[in-house]
Amino acid sequence: MARLNLKLTHKPVREYYSALKEYEQLGVKHETAVKTAFQDLLVS
């Protein structure tokens, strides 16, 4: 099985955490609302 070498410095990961921060500033924390940020991370 291949191993995923993913680091916090990779652009898609940084963008994911940035999106989560924006959601948090808007007061959005539930899973359904932030699923688009996670989907974007998966397709990156």
Protein backbone atom coordinates (compact mmCIF):
# COMPACT_ATOMS: atom_id res chain seq x y z
CA MET A 1 0.00 0.00 0.00
CA ALA A 2 1.34 3.41 -0.97
CA ARG A 3 2.04 5.89 1.79
CA LEU A 4 0.83 9.46 1.55
CA ASN A 5 3.59 11.92 2.30
CA LEU A 6 1.51 14.94 3.25
CA LYS A 7 2.97 17.86 5.19
CA LEU A 8 1.47 20.97 6.74
CA THR A 9 3.55 23.03 4.34
CA HIS A 10 1.87 21.65 1.22
CA LYS A 11 -0.28 24.23 -0.53
CA PRO A 12 -3.57 22.24 -0.43
CA VAL A 13 -3.17 21.68 3.32
CA ARG A 14 -2.43 25.35 3.95
CA GLU A 15 -5.49 26.31 1.90
CA TYR A 16 -7.63 23.83 3.86
CA TYR A 17 -6.61 25.31 7.21
CA SER A 18 -7.08 28.80 5.83
CA ALA A 19 -10.63 27.93 4.76
CA LEU A 20 -11.37 26.45 8.19
CA LYS A 21 -10.12 29.65 9.81
CA GLU A 22 -12.48 31.70 7.64
CA TYR A 23 -15.40 29.46 8.61
CA GLU A 24 -14.48 29.82 12.28
CA GLN A 25 -14.47 33.61 11.99
CA LEU A 26 -18.00 33.38 10.61
CA GLY A 27 -19.01 31.19 13.55
CA VAL A 28 -19.45 28.10 11.39
CA LYS A 29 -18.11 24.95 12.99
CA HIS A 30 -20.43 22.08 12.13
CA GLU A 31 -19.23 19.33 9.82
CA THR A 32 -21.76 19.87 7.05
CA ALA A 33 -20.76 23.51 6.60
CA VAL A 34 -17.03 22.83 6.34
CA LYS A 35 -17.28 19.78 4.07
CA THR A 36 -16.51 21.85 0.97
CA ALA A 37 -13.10 22.79 2.40
CA PHE A 38 -12.36 19.11 2.98
CA GLN A 39 -13.58 18.17 -0.50
CA ASP A 40 -11.27 20.77 -2.00
CA LEU A 41 -8.36 19.27 -0.06
CA LEU A 42 -9.14 15.80 -1.42
CA VAL A 43 -9.25 16.89 -5.05
CA SER A 44 -6.08 19.00 -4.80
